[in-house]
Amino acid sequence: MKEALDAIGTVHPALKWLSAPLSVALLSAAWARRERLKAWCFARWQNRTGARLERLTELVERVVKEVTPNGGGSLKDAVVRNEAKTDALAARVEALSVNLRATNELSDRPWFVLDGAGELTDCNDAYLDLVGLAKPDVLGLGWTSALDTREMGLMLEKWHQALRSRSTQRHSDRFGVLNRRGGRRHEVESEVLIFRDGTGGVTSCFGTTRVLRTEALPSAGAAGNWG
């Protein structure tokens, strides 16, 4: 430090006082303090950076563990299991669809399919003959138009109660169906299978209908009194 100050004093005589013992001591102390401060800042930055790198490494290792199959405990294993369940469910749905098509072709017993909201999504020709309506007229909630309104309130109440129970898998009931086109009223017995998801919510329903008794409506004009 003193040699550097002497050199400055030689080049610039006006700064020769810097080489005095007191000036040298003060400047040396300031320089040493600067070096200590620089070292402290670097150590603090290094410690923080090291902690962050350690945390980042831990997170990366956790992600790698979750996306790597390890025999059942990782997120990847859970996804694989869910995919297998989805494939199995799709296979069951396809099998049910095949069975429905076979039923439609080989059986003359009326059947229908409802979704989780109670809207009709499919039925066979025998069901359309029973209610005397075209298929577009029974899709959605159109199927309710064929119910005998004198019994419809109680019938729908029991139906909704079965759906809300979350444990009922099968529901049966007797009620009246009007075929206004044919001028007939059918007393029918309906058997419905209720399909639910893992929480008990209704996903779909498959029902068949059997005619117990048929009677003629009094007249075309009086048919409105039946619903």
Protein backbone atom coordinates (compact mmCIF):
# COMPACT_ATOMS: atom_id res chain seq x y z
CA MET A 1 0.00 0.00 0.00
CA LYS A 2 2.81 2.50 1.00
CA GLU A 3 4.77 1.84 -2.18
CA ALA A 4 1.72 2.61 -4.29
CA LEU A 5 1.12 5.89 -2.42
CA ASP A 6 4.77 6.92 -2.77
CA ALA A 7 4.52 6.37 -6.50
CA ILE A 8 1.40 8.54 -6.67
CA GLY A 9 3.21 11.29 -4.71
CA THR A 10 6.14 11.17 -7.10
CA VAL A 11 3.90 11.56 -10.17
CA HIS A 12 1.61 14.11 -8.56
CA PRO A 13 3.47 16.18 -5.95
CA ALA A 14 0.21 17.72 -4.76
CA LEU A 15 -0.85 14.25 -3.52
CA LYS A 16 2.41 13.54 -1.74
CA TRP A 17 0.60 13.84 1.60
CA LEU A 18 -1.04 10.49 0.87
CA SER A 19 2.25 8.75 1.66
CA ALA A 20 2.28 10.16 5.23
CA PRO A 21 2.07 7.42 7.91
CA LEU A 22 -1.37 8.50 9.14
CA SER A 23 -2.84 8.60 5.62
CA VAL A 24 -1.35 5.22 4.85
CA ALA A 25 -2.87 3.73 8.00
CA LEU A 26 -6.32 5.20 7.30
CA LEU A 27 -6.35 4.10 3.69
CA SER A 28 -5.10 0.63 4.59
CA ALA A 29 -7.84 0.24 7.18
CA ALA A 30 -10.50 1.38 4.69
CA TRP A 31 -9.18 -1.01 2.07
CA ALA A 32 -9.17 -3.91 4.51
CA ARG A 33 -12.73 -3.08 5.57
CA ARG A 34 -13.77 -3.04 1.91
CA GLU A 35 -12.23 -6.46 1.40
CA ARG A 36 -13.96 -7.85 4.49
CA LEU A 37 -17.32 -6.46 3.34
CA LYS A 38 -16.83 -7.92 -0.11
CA ALA A 39 -15.99 -11.30 1.38
CA TRP A 40 -19.06 -11.17 3.67
CA CYS A 41 -21.38 -10.30 0.77
CA PHE A 42 -19.94 -13.08 -1.36
CA ALA A 43 -20.34 -15.63 1.45
CA ARG A 44 -23.95 -14.55 2.05
CA TRP A 45 -24.75 -14.76 -1.67
CA GLN A 46 -23.07 -18.16 -1.86
CA ASN A 47 -25.08 -19.48 1.11
CA ARG A 48 -28.39 -18.28 -0.34
CA THR A 49 -27.56 -19.65 -3.77
CA GLY A 50 -26.55 -22.97 -2.27
CA ALA A 51 -29.84 -23.22 -0.34
CA ARG A 52 -31.84 -22.42 -3.44
CA LEU A 53 -29.92 -24.96 -5.51
CA GLU A 54 -30.48 -27.57 -2.80
CA ARG A 55 -34.23 -26.82 -2.76
CA LEU A 56 -34.37 -26.89 -6.56
CA THR A 57 -32.56 -30.24 -6.60
CA GLU A 58 -35.03 -31.63 -4.07
CA LEU A 59 -38.01 -30.50 -6.18
CA VAL A 60 -36.52 -31.96 -9.36
CA GLU A 61 -35.92 -35.29 -7.62
CA ARG A 62 -39.51 -35.31 -6.36
CA VAL A 63 -40.88 -34.62 -9.85
CA VAL A 64 -38.68 -37.35 -11.34
CA LYS A 65 -39.92 -39.76 -8.69
CA GLU A 66 -43.57 -38.95 -9.44
CA VAL A 67 -43.25 -39.37 -13.20
CA THR A 68 -41.30 -42.63 -12.93
CA PRO A 69 -43.17 -45.93 -12.38
CA ASN A 70 -42.04 -47.47 -9.10
CA GLY A 71 -44.54 -50.24 -8.53
CA GLY A 72 -47.60 -48.33 -7.45
CA GLY A 73 -46.61 -45.28 -5.42
CA SER A 74 -45.94 -42.63 -8.04
CA LEU A 75 -48.23 -40.29 -9.92
CA LYS A 76 -47.28 -42.13 -13.12
CA ASP A 77 -48.50 -45.40 -11.60
CA ALA A 78 -51.79 -43.75 -10.62
CA VAL A 79 -52.23 -42.46 -14.19
CA VAL A 80 -51.54 -45.95 -15.56
CA ARG A 81 -54.11 -47.45 -13.18
CA ASN A 82 -56.70 -44.85 -14.16
CA GLU A 83 -56.01 -45.48 -17.84
CA ALA A 84 -56.53 -49.20 -17.26
CA LYS A 85 -59.81 -48.51 -15.45
CA THR A 86 -60.91 -46.19 -18.24
CA ASP A 87 -60.11 -48.82 -20.85
CA ALA A 88 -62.02 -51.44 -18.86
CA LEU A 89 -65.01 -49.11 -18.51
CA ALA A 90 -64.92 -48.33 -22.23
CA ALA A 91 -64.91 -52.06 -22.94
CA ARG A 92 -67.92 -52.55 -20.67
CA VAL A 93 -69.78 -49.70 -22.36
CA GLU A 94 -69.00 -51.16 -25.76
CA ALA A 95 -70.21 -54.58 -24.60
CA LEU A 96 -73.41 -53.01 -23.30
CA SER A 97 -73.87 -51.21 -26.61
CA VAL A 98 -73.45 -54.50 -28.47
CA ASN A 99 -75.96 -56.15 -26.14
CA LEU A 100 -78.42 -53.33 -26.69
CA ARG A 101 -78.14 -53.64 -30.45
CA ALA A 102 -78.63 -57.39 -30.17
CA THR A 103 -81.64 -56.86 -27.92
CA ASN A 104 -83.08 -54.43 -30.41
CA GLU A 105 -82.72 -56.93 -33.20
CA LEU A 106 -83.76 -60.11 -31.40
CA SER A 107 -86.39 -59.00 -28.87
CA ASP A 108 -89.75 -57.34 -29.30
CA ARG A 109 -89.86 -56.20 -25.67
CA PRO A 110 -89.70 -52.38 -25.37
CA TRP A 111 -86.46 -50.97 -23.94
CA PHE A 112 -85.06 -47.49 -23.44
CA VAL A 113 -81.87 -45.76 -22.27
CA LEU A 114 -81.73 -42.62 -20.11
CA ASP A 115 -78.72 -40.47 -19.29
CA GLY A 116 -77.80 -39.15 -15.85
CA ALA A 117 -80.22 -36.23 -16.24
CA GLY A 118 -83.16 -38.53 -17.01
CA GLU A 119 -83.26 -37.68 -20.71
CA LEU A 120 -83.97 -40.49 -23.15
CA THR A 121 -81.04 -41.13 -25.50
CA ASP A 122 -82.11 -44.35 -27.23
CA CYS A 123 -84.95 -46.86 -27.51
CA ASN A 124 -86.12 -49.63 -29.82
CA ASP A 125 -89.03 -49.77 -32.23
CA ALA A 126 -91.12 -51.76 -29.76
CA TYR A 127 -90.96 -48.85 -27.31
CA LEU A 128 -92.06 -46.43 -30.04
CA ASP A 129 -94.98 -48.73 -30.91
CA LEU A 130 -95.94 -48.83 -27.23
CA VAL A 131 -96.20 -45.05 -26.83
CA GLY A 132 -97.33 -44.31 -30.40
CA LEU A 133 -94.70 -41.64 -30.98
CA ALA A 134 -91.81 -41.11 -33.39
CA LYS A 135 -88.28 -41.33 -32.04
CA PRO A 136 -87.55 -37.58 -32.24
CA ASP A 137 -90.64 -36.99 -30.09
CA VAL A 138 -89.45 -39.20 -27.21
CA LEU A 139 -85.79 -38.12 -27.09
CA GLY A 140 -84.74 -35.88 -24.22
CA LEU A 141 -87.68 -35.46 -21.86
CA GLY A 142 -90.19 -36.11 -24.63
CA TRP A 143 -90.83 -39.62 -23.23
CA THR A 144 -92.73 -38.09 -20.30
CA SER A 145 -95.46 -36.89 -22.70
CA ALA A 146 -96.66 -40.49 -23.01
CA LEU A 147 -97.24 -40.88 -19.27
CA ASP A 148 -100.74 -40.89 -17.82
CA THR A 149 -100.77 -37.53 -16.05
CA ARG A 150 -103.06 -38.87 -13.34
CA GLU A 151 -100.19 -41.10 -12.19
CA MET A 152 -97.16 -39.21 -13.50
CA GLY A 153 -96.53 -37.18 -10.32
CA LEU A 154 -96.30 -40.22 -8.05
CA MET A 155 -94.35 -42.23 -10.63
CA LEU A 156 -91.72 -39.50 -11.08
CA GLU A 157 -91.47 -38.95 -7.32
CA LYS A 158 -90.62 -42.62 -6.73
CA TRP A 159 -88.20 -42.53 -9.67
CA HIS A 160 -86.31 -39.50 -8.34
CA GLN A 161 -86.22 -41.04 -4.87
CA ALA A 162 -84.53 -44.14 -6.30
CA LEU A 163 -81.97 -41.99 -8.10
CA ARG A 164 -81.18 -39.92 -4.99
CA SER A 165 -80.57 -42.94 -2.76
CA ARG A 166 -77.09 -43.45 -4.34
CA SER A 167 -77.29 -47.16 -3.46
CA THR A 168 -80.24 -48.28 -5.57
CA GLN A 169 -79.11 -50.28 -8.59
CA ARG A 170 -82.52 -51.47 -9.77
CA HIS A 171 -85.92 -49.80 -9.75
CA SER A 172 -89.30 -51.20 -10.74
CA ASP A 173 -92.72 -49.57 -10.90
CA ARG A 174 -96.17 -49.85 -12.48
CA PHE A 175 -97.84 -46.92 -14.21
CA GLY A 176 -99.98 -45.96 -17.16
CA VAL A 177 -98.77 -45.13 -20.66
CA LEU A 178 -101.02 -43.46 -23.21
CA ASN A 179 -100.87 -44.27 -26.90
CA ARG A 180 -103.01 -41.46 -28.25
CA ARG A 181 -102.35 -42.38 -31.86
CA GLY A 182 -103.70 -45.87 -31.29
CA GLY A 183 -106.37 -44.76 -28.83
CA ARG A 184 -105.11 -47.11 -26.09
CA ARG A 185 -103.94 -46.93 -22.51
CA HIS A 186 -101.38 -49.50 -21.38
CA GLU A 187 -100.73 -50.41 -17.80
CA VAL A 188 -97.04 -51.36 -17.80
CA GLU A 189 -94.38 -52.65 -15.44
CA SER A 190 -90.96 -51.11 -15.94
CA GLU A 191 -87.64 -52.56 -14.74
CA VAL A 192 -84.71 -50.13 -14.76
CA LEU A 193 -81.02 -50.81 -14.13
CA ILE A 194 -79.26 -47.75 -12.70
CA PHE A 195 -75.56 -47.33 -13.48
CA ARG A 196 -73.53 -45.11 -11.12
CA ASP A 197 -70.01 -43.70 -10.94
CA GLY A 198 -67.61 -44.05 -8.02
CA THR A 199 -69.38 -41.35 -6.01
CA GLY A 200 -72.84 -42.85 -6.47
CA GLY A 201 -73.93 -40.36 -9.12
CA VAL A 202 -76.13 -41.65 -11.93
CA THR A 203 -74.41 -42.04 -15.29
CA SER A 204 -77.10 -43.86 -17.25
CA CYS A 205 -80.15 -46.13 -16.95
CA PHE A 206 -81.34 -49.06 -19.01
CA GLY A 207 -84.98 -50.05 -18.72
CA THR A 208 -87.40 -52.59 -20.17
CA THR A 209 -91.17 -52.40 -20.17
CA ARG A 210 -93.78 -55.15 -20.00
CA VAL A 211 -97.45 -54.53 -20.82
CA LEU A 212 -99.77 -55.88 -18.11
CA ARG A 213 -103.11 -54.66 -19.40
CA THR A 214 -104.44 -52.63 -22.31
CA GLU A 215 -107.70 -50.73 -22.53
CA ALA A 216 -109.17 -48.51 -25.20
CA LEU A 217 -109.50 -44.82 -24.59
CA PRO A 218 -113.16 -43.74 -24.51
CA SER A 219 -112.86 -41.61 -27.63
CA ALA A 220 -110.40 -39.45 -29.44
CA GLY A 221 -111.97 -36.38 -27.85
CA ALA A 222 -111.98 -37.86 -24.38
CA ALA A 223 -108.37 -39.02 -24.58
CA GLY A 224 -107.24 -35.65 -23.29
CA ASN A 225 -108.86 -36.43 -19.93
CA TRP A 226 -106.31 -39.22 -19.53
CA GLY A 227 -103.35 -36.90 -19.73
